[in-house]
Amino acid sequence: MARRIDVIGAGGVSLAAWEFGDPPKKDPTDRKDAGHPTDNRSEALLPVQSTGRRSTGEPTSGSTGEPSAEDGVRSEPAASAEPTTGVFLLHGLMGRASHWASTARWLSERHRAVALDQRGHGRSEKPPKAAFTREAYVEDAEAALEQLGLGPAVLIGHAMGALTAWQLAAKRPDLVSGLIICDMRASALGAASQREWADWFESWPVPFATLADVRKWFGEDDPWVERPNPARGEFYAEVMQESPDGWRPVFEPEQMLKSRETWVYDAHWEELTQVRCPTLVVRGLDGELGRAEAQEMVRVLPLGEYAEVTDAGHLVHYDQPEGWRAAIEPFLDGVLAR
């Protein structure tokens, strides 16, 4: 079960947070169900709660399980936080909260697990003139934690979401009790990287005729795919929505590039040194974060630890959900026992 809670981010941008309840009866690591609640139409959806203004509905998206205006959900006042440890999950660039569904389900057995659609992503607002700076993303996460009454929480971030998480941990240590960084580099990536991404977006054969075409292109035909990767295809199918001419991303590529350009030209080592809570750096063996850089990140972190997941690339929690859980669960247990 997932319940939407609307929160207000920096500059008044409306953000959709998703609180996950009891896990489904089926194995949450089953690929058929992982991250795709609407593939199982019996999955319960709880009413929307709101800490501010209500977001507008969006077209139905590809296998997300996130309720839209058509689902008949209604807005309610935010409930008081339950007396349990909070875990706050932040997706990466182009991602959405439902990418964390498999992880959040098993977390929700013992903790209050909430994932955020960050600005420009998922069901959160995508104002054309909104700021897509590092400061805006960090302030959004800060505002969400406070409005949800979730802190101090363990933050789990993938890629861009990991950077947001460690920047918030450095800024507001009172809100963060622990941190998990998944496959995000601290080094600058440079102008060439940004040009490659712009060219990559241009290469997408949108609109896609079907979700099967989405899965095939991102899992097999994309020039960036070295070998067939069904999990990658599923990951991108999750961020597509049906439009009159076919399937298109729920985000605006221009906003993704604006978001990315605010971090690729700079290194982020200094903020890592300012993180005082226990921190786990996780990488996929075939991911974008190399072992040497990951171990250097652990070295500069005051309370850093290291883990890696075999047979996993950048999308660690999608490629190897069981390996991902095995890597982070002992760390979580240790942090939450403190």
Protein backbone atom coordinates (compact mmCIF):
# COMPACT_ATOMS: atom_id res chain seq x y z
CA MET A 1 0.00 0.00 0.00
CA ALA A 2 1.17 3.53 -0.71
CA ARG A 3 -0.43 6.74 0.52
CA ARG A 4 0.26 10.08 -1.09
CA ILE A 5 1.02 13.04 1.16
CA ASP A 6 1.37 16.45 -0.48
CA VAL A 7 4.09 18.71 0.88
CA ILE A 8 5.33 22.15 -0.15
CA GLY A 9 8.93 22.59 -1.22
CA ALA A 10 11.16 25.56 -1.93
CA GLY A 11 9.48 28.39 -3.80
CA GLY A 12 6.04 26.91 -3.16
CA VAL A 13 6.53 23.92 -5.47
CA SER A 14 4.05 21.14 -4.63
CA LEU A 15 5.72 17.78 -4.01
CA ALA A 16 4.24 14.29 -3.75
CA ALA A 17 5.55 12.12 -0.92
CA TRP A 18 4.57 8.45 -0.74
CA GLU A 19 4.28 6.59 2.55
CA PHE A 20 4.42 2.83 2.21
CA GLY A 21 2.38 0.56 4.46
CA ASP A 22 2.31 -3.17 4.99
CA PRO A 23 4.18 -5.18 2.34
CA PRO A 24 2.17 -7.28 -0.14
CA LYS A 25 1.73 -10.99 0.41
CA LYS A 26 3.90 -11.79 -2.59
CA ASP A 27 7.68 -11.73 -2.35
CA PRO A 28 8.61 -8.01 -2.60
CA THR A 29 11.84 -8.93 -4.43
CA ASP A 30 9.86 -10.64 -7.18
CA ARG A 31 10.72 -8.78 -10.40
CA LYS A 32 7.11 -8.80 -11.54
CA ASP A 33 6.03 -6.72 -8.55
CA ALA A 34 9.20 -4.78 -7.72
CA GLY A 35 8.52 -1.11 -8.24
CA HIS A 36 5.30 -1.68 -10.21
CA PRO A 37 2.33 -1.64 -7.83
CA THR A 38 -0.29 -1.21 -10.56
CA ASP A 39 0.75 -4.43 -12.24
CA ASN A 40 -1.20 -5.97 -9.35
CA ARG A 41 -4.61 -4.26 -9.42
CA SER A 42 -5.54 -5.63 -6.00
CA GLU A 43 -2.89 -3.45 -4.37
CA ALA A 44 -4.61 -1.05 -1.96
CA LEU A 45 -4.18 2.69 -2.29
CA LEU A 46 -4.86 4.88 0.73
CA PRO A 47 -6.36 8.38 0.54
CA VAL A 48 -4.24 11.42 -0.17
CA GLN A 49 -3.17 13.48 2.81
CA SER A 50 -2.07 17.06 2.46
CA THR A 51 0.20 19.34 4.45
CA GLY A 52 -0.50 22.18 2.05
CA ARG A 53 -2.22 22.70 -1.28
CA ARG A 54 -3.34 19.79 -3.39
CA SER A 55 -1.39 18.87 -6.52
CA THR A 56 -3.10 18.63 -9.88
CA GLY A 57 -3.68 15.22 -11.44
CA GLU A 58 -1.52 13.90 -14.29
CA PRO A 59 -2.08 11.38 -17.06
CA THR A 60 -1.79 7.74 -16.08
CA SER A 61 1.82 6.60 -16.15
CA GLY A 62 3.43 3.29 -16.95
CA SER A 63 2.92 0.79 -14.11
CA THR A 64 3.52 3.17 -11.20
CA GLY A 65 0.83 2.50 -8.61
CA GLU A 66 0.69 6.18 -7.79
CA PRO A 67 -2.90 7.48 -7.54
CA SER A 68 -4.05 10.23 -9.86
CA ALA A 69 -7.12 12.43 -9.76
CA GLU A 70 -9.01 9.71 -11.63
CA ASP A 71 -8.54 7.26 -8.74
CA GLY A 72 -11.08 9.12 -6.61
CA VAL A 73 -8.62 9.77 -3.79
CA ARG A 74 -9.46 12.66 -1.50
CA SER A 75 -7.36 15.13 0.41
CA GLU A 76 -7.22 14.89 4.19
CA PRO A 77 -5.34 16.76 6.91
CA ALA A 78 -1.92 15.31 7.63
CA ALA A 79 -1.96 12.73 10.41
CA SER A 80 0.44 13.00 13.30
CA ALA A 81 3.62 11.01 12.86
CA GLU A 82 3.63 7.54 14.33
CA PRO A 83 6.24 6.84 17.02
CA THR A 84 8.59 4.84 14.82
CA THR A 85 11.92 5.41 13.13
CA GLY A 86 11.71 7.28 9.84
CA VAL A 87 13.45 6.29 6.61
CA PHE A 88 13.38 8.84 3.78
CA LEU A 89 14.13 7.71 0.23
CA LEU A 90 15.32 9.96 -2.60
CA HIS A 91 15.41 8.74 -6.20
CA GLY A 92 17.97 9.72 -8.81
CA LEU A 93 17.72 11.98 -11.87
CA MET A 94 14.72 10.98 -14.05
CA GLY A 95 13.53 8.65 -11.28
CA ARG A 96 10.42 8.67 -9.13
CA ALA A 97 9.36 7.54 -5.68
CA SER A 98 7.87 4.29 -6.98
CA HIS A 99 11.38 3.16 -7.96
CA TRP A 100 11.82 2.57 -4.23
CA ALA A 101 8.65 0.46 -3.83
CA SER A 102 10.43 -2.87 -3.34
CA THR A 103 12.85 -1.40 -0.78
CA ALA A 104 10.17 0.64 1.00
CA ARG A 105 7.90 -2.39 1.40
CA TRP A 106 10.35 -4.38 3.46
CA LEU A 107 11.45 -1.26 5.32
CA SER A 108 7.83 -0.55 6.26
CA GLU A 109 7.66 -3.77 8.24
CA ARG A 110 9.68 -2.04 10.98
CA HIS A 111 9.97 1.63 10.06
CA ARG A 112 8.01 4.55 8.69
CA ALA A 113 9.20 4.54 5.06
CA VAL A 114 8.49 7.58 2.88
CA ALA A 115 9.76 8.22 -0.65
CA LEU A 116 9.63 11.62 -2.35
CA ASP A 117 8.93 12.54 -5.94
CA GLN A 118 11.47 15.33 -6.25
CA ARG A 119 10.64 18.52 -8.15
CA GLY A 120 10.26 17.96 -11.88
CA HIS A 121 9.81 14.21 -11.30
CA GLY A 122 6.95 11.76 -10.85
CA ARG A 123 3.75 13.42 -9.62
CA SER A 124 5.45 16.46 -8.17
CA GLU A 125 5.04 19.80 -9.90
CA LYS A 126 7.17 20.72 -12.90
CA PRO A 127 6.85 24.51 -13.13
CA PRO A 128 8.65 25.81 -16.24
CA LYS A 129 10.20 28.69 -14.30
CA ALA A 130 11.05 26.79 -11.12
CA ALA A 131 14.61 26.59 -9.85
CA PHE A 132 16.38 23.28 -10.45
CA THR A 133 19.43 24.13 -8.38
CA ARG A 134 21.15 22.05 -5.73
CA GLU A 135 19.84 24.46 -3.11
CA ALA A 136 16.24 23.95 -4.27
CA TYR A 137 16.49 20.15 -4.18
CA VAL A 138 18.06 20.20 -0.71
CA GLU A 139 15.49 22.68 0.60
CA ASP A 140 12.70 20.47 -0.80
CA ALA A 141 13.98 17.45 1.11
CA GLU A 142 14.45 19.54 4.25
CA ALA A 143 10.89 20.90 4.00
CA ALA A 144 9.45 17.43 3.38
CA LEU A 145 11.16 15.93 6.42
CA GLU A 146 9.88 18.74 8.61
CA GLN A 147 6.32 18.72 7.26
CA LEU A 148 6.11 14.93 7.50
CA GLY A 149 7.48 14.92 11.05
CA LEU A 150 9.91 12.24 9.91
CA GLY A 151 13.22 13.47 11.28
CA PRO A 152 15.65 12.61 12.52
CA ALA A 153 15.54 9.98 9.79
CA VAL A 154 17.83 7.65 7.91
CA LEU A 155 18.22 9.03 4.37
CA ILE A 156 18.67 6.63 1.46
CA GLY A 157 19.57 8.22 -1.85
CA HIS A 158 20.38 6.92 -5.30
CA ALA A 159 22.60 8.95 -7.64
CA MET A 160 21.35 12.57 -7.61
CA GLY A 161 19.16 11.69 -4.64
CA ALA A 162 22.26 10.56 -2.76
CA LEU A 163 23.93 13.90 -3.39
CA THR A 164 20.83 15.70 -2.11
CA ALA A 165 20.87 13.45 0.94
CA TRP A 166 24.48 14.07 1.90
CA GLN A 167 24.18 17.81 1.27
CA LEU A 168 21.14 17.88 3.56
CA ALA A 169 22.95 15.80 6.18
CA ALA A 170 25.78 18.35 6.16
CA LYS A 171 23.35 21.27 6.38
CA ARG A 172 20.87 19.87 8.92
CA PRO A 173 22.46 17.15 11.06
CA ASP A 174 19.49 17.40 13.42
CA LEU A 175 17.24 15.92 10.72
CA VAL A 176 19.48 13.01 9.69
CA SER A 177 20.43 10.06 11.91
CA GLY A 178 22.04 7.96 9.20
CA LEU A 179 22.81 8.05 5.49
CA ILE A 180 23.08 5.53 2.65
CA ILE A 181 24.73 6.76 -0.56
CA CYS A 182 24.01 4.56 -3.57
CA ASP A 183 26.26 4.84 -6.63
CA MET A 184 26.89 8.60 -6.67
CA ARG A 185 30.27 10.14 -7.38
CA ALA A 186 31.77 12.99 -5.38
CA SER A 187 34.10 14.05 -8.19
CA ALA A 188 33.25 16.59 -10.88
CA LEU A 189 32.07 15.03 -14.15
CA GLY A 190 32.72 17.98 -16.45
CA ALA A 191 31.30 19.63 -19.56
CA ALA A 192 31.84 16.62 -21.83
CA SER A 193 29.55 14.56 -19.63
CA GLN A 194 26.78 17.15 -19.87
CA ARG A 195 27.07 17.24 -23.68
CA GLU A 196 26.85 13.45 -23.81
CA TRP A 197 23.63 13.54 -21.81
CA ALA A 198 22.10 16.20 -24.06
CA ASP A 199 22.93 14.07 -27.11
CA TRP A 200 21.52 10.99 -25.39
CA PHE A 201 18.17 12.64 -24.73
CA GLU A 202 18.04 13.63 -28.40
CA SER A 203 18.56 9.99 -29.39
CA TRP A 204 15.43 8.74 -27.63
CA PRO A 205 12.92 7.46 -30.24
CA VAL A 206 9.93 9.17 -28.62
CA PRO A 207 7.07 8.65 -28.64
CA PHE A 208 7.25 4.93 -27.98
CA ALA A 209 4.34 2.94 -29.38
CA THR A 210 4.06 0.63 -26.35
CA LEU A 211 5.64 0.03 -22.95
CA ALA A 212 7.17 -3.10 -24.45
CA ASP A 213 9.01 -0.82 -26.88
CA VAL A 214 10.21 1.28 -23.95
CA ARG A 215 11.56 -1.79 -22.17
CA LYS A 216 13.28 -3.06 -25.30
CA TRP A 217 14.95 0.20 -26.21
CA PHE A 218 16.29 1.01 -22.74
CA GLY A 219 17.05 -2.61 -21.95
CA GLU A 220 18.65 -3.61 -25.27
CA ASP A 221 18.80 -1.04 -28.09
CA ASP A 222 20.04 2.07 -26.28
CA PRO A 223 23.68 2.67 -27.36
CA TRP A 224 24.57 3.13 -23.69
CA VAL A 225 23.58 -0.49 -22.96
CA GLU A 226 26.60 -2.78 -23.14
CA ARG A 227 24.57 -5.98 -22.80
CA PRO A 228 20.84 -6.74 -22.46
CA ASN A 229 19.55 -5.48 -19.13
CA PRO A 230 15.83 -6.14 -18.50
CA ALA A 231 15.96 -4.34 -15.13
CA ARG A 232 17.05 -1.15 -16.88
CA GLY A 233 14.14 -1.47 -19.28
CA GLU A 234 11.74 -1.83 -16.36
CA PHE A 235 13.31 1.17 -14.62
CA TYR A 236 12.58 3.44 -17.59
CA ALA A 237 9.13 1.99 -18.23
CA GLU A 238 8.30 3.23 -14.75
CA VAL A 239 8.89 6.86 -15.78
CA MET A 240 6.72 6.82 -18.92
CA GLN A 241 3.15 8.03 -19.30
CA GLU A 242 0.70 7.48 -22.11
CA SER A 243 -0.06 10.48 -24.32
CA PRO A 244 -2.25 10.75 -27.45
CA ASP A 245 0.65 9.84 -29.74
CA GLY A 246 2.30 7.16 -27.58
CA TRP A 247 4.45 6.84 -24.46
CA ARG A 248 6.62 9.73 -23.31
CA PRO A 249 8.59 10.47 -20.12
CA VAL A 250 6.75 12.01 -17.18
CA PHE A 251 9.56 14.56 -16.90
CA GLU A 252 10.86 17.28 -19.21
CA PRO A 253 14.36 16.44 -20.50
CA GLU A 254 15.26 20.14 -20.43
CA GLN A 255 14.55 20.25 -16.70
CA MET A 256 16.66 17.15 -16.17
CA LEU A 257 19.59 18.80 -17.93
CA LYS A 258 19.10 21.97 -15.86
CA SER A 259 19.11 19.84 -12.71
CA ARG A 260 22.23 17.98 -13.76
CA GLU A 261 24.25 21.02 -14.77
CA THR A 262 24.11 22.31 -11.19
CA TRP A 263 26.34 19.49 -9.96
CA VAL A 264 28.40 18.02 -12.82
CA TYR A 265 30.90 20.87 -12.97
CA ASP A 266 31.79 20.76 -9.29
CA ALA A 267 33.24 18.24 -6.87
CA HIS A 268 31.35 17.55 -3.66
CA TRP A 269 34.02 16.23 -1.32
CA GLU A 270 33.79 19.13 1.13
CA GLU A 271 30.15 18.40 1.95
CA LEU A 272 31.05 14.76 2.60
CA THR A 273 33.54 15.78 5.26
CA GLN A 274 30.75 17.71 7.00
CA VAL A 275 28.45 14.67 7.33
CA ARG A 276 28.62 13.60 10.99
CA CYS A 277 26.16 10.72 11.03
CA PRO A 278 26.99 7.08 10.21
CA THR A 279 27.14 6.73 6.41
CA LEU A 280 27.22 3.71 4.13
CA VAL A 281 28.60 4.10 0.60
CA VAL A 282 27.19 1.40 -1.70
CA ARG A 283 28.24 0.73 -5.27
CA GLY A 284 27.28 -1.77 -7.92
CA LEU A 285 30.31 -3.66 -9.15
CA ASP A 286 29.53 -2.46 -12.69
CA GLY A 287 28.13 0.92 -11.67
CA GLU A 288 29.27 4.48 -12.29
CA LEU A 289 31.01 4.85 -8.93
CA GLY A 290 34.40 3.17 -9.06
CA ARG A 291 35.83 1.25 -6.12
CA ALA A 292 38.77 3.61 -5.56
CA GLU A 293 36.54 6.69 -5.47
CA ALA A 294 33.98 4.95 -3.26
CA GLN A 295 36.65 3.96 -0.77
CA GLU A 296 38.05 7.49 -0.78
CA MET A 297 34.53 8.76 -0.01
CA VAL A 298 34.43 6.37 2.94
CA ARG A 299 37.84 7.63 4.10
CA VAL A 300 36.80 11.30 4.16
CA LEU A 301 33.48 10.60 5.85
CA PRO A 302 33.85 10.84 9.65
CA LEU A 303 31.74 7.68 10.14
CA GLY A 304 31.91 6.05 6.72
CA GLU A 305 31.41 2.40 5.79
CA TYR A 306 31.61 0.60 2.45
CA ALA A 307 29.57 -2.05 0.66
CA GLU A 308 29.35 -3.31 -2.89
CA VAL A 309 26.80 -5.43 -4.71
CA THR A 310 27.96 -7.98 -7.27
CA ASP A 311 26.26 -8.38 -10.65
CA ALA A 312 24.79 -4.88 -10.29
CA GLY A 313 25.27 -1.73 -12.32
CA HIS A 314 24.22 1.83 -11.59
CA LEU A 315 20.63 0.81 -10.80
CA VAL A 316 21.73 -1.30 -7.86
CA HIS A 317 18.34 -1.67 -6.15
CA TYR A 318 16.73 -2.70 -9.45
CA ASP A 319 19.50 -4.95 -10.75
CA GLN A 320 19.94 -6.96 -7.55
CA PRO A 321 17.18 -6.24 -5.01
CA GLU A 322 18.20 -9.12 -2.71
CA GLY A 323 21.88 -8.14 -2.85
CA TRP A 324 20.93 -4.53 -2.20
CA ARG A 325 18.94 -5.50 0.88
CA ALA A 326 21.74 -7.69 2.16
CA ALA A 327 24.17 -4.79 1.76
CA ILE A 328 22.15 -2.13 3.58
CA GLU A 329 20.08 -3.98 6.18
CA PRO A 330 22.91 -4.65 8.67
CA PHE A 331 23.94 -0.99 8.48
CA LEU A 332 20.36 0.12 9.08
CA ASP A 333 20.05 -2.21 12.06
CA GLY A 334 23.22 -0.77 13.54
CA VAL A 335 22.19 2.85 13.06
CA LEU A 336 18.70 2.35 14.37
CA ALA A 337 20.00 0.50 17.42
CA ARG A 338 22.12 3.49 18.48
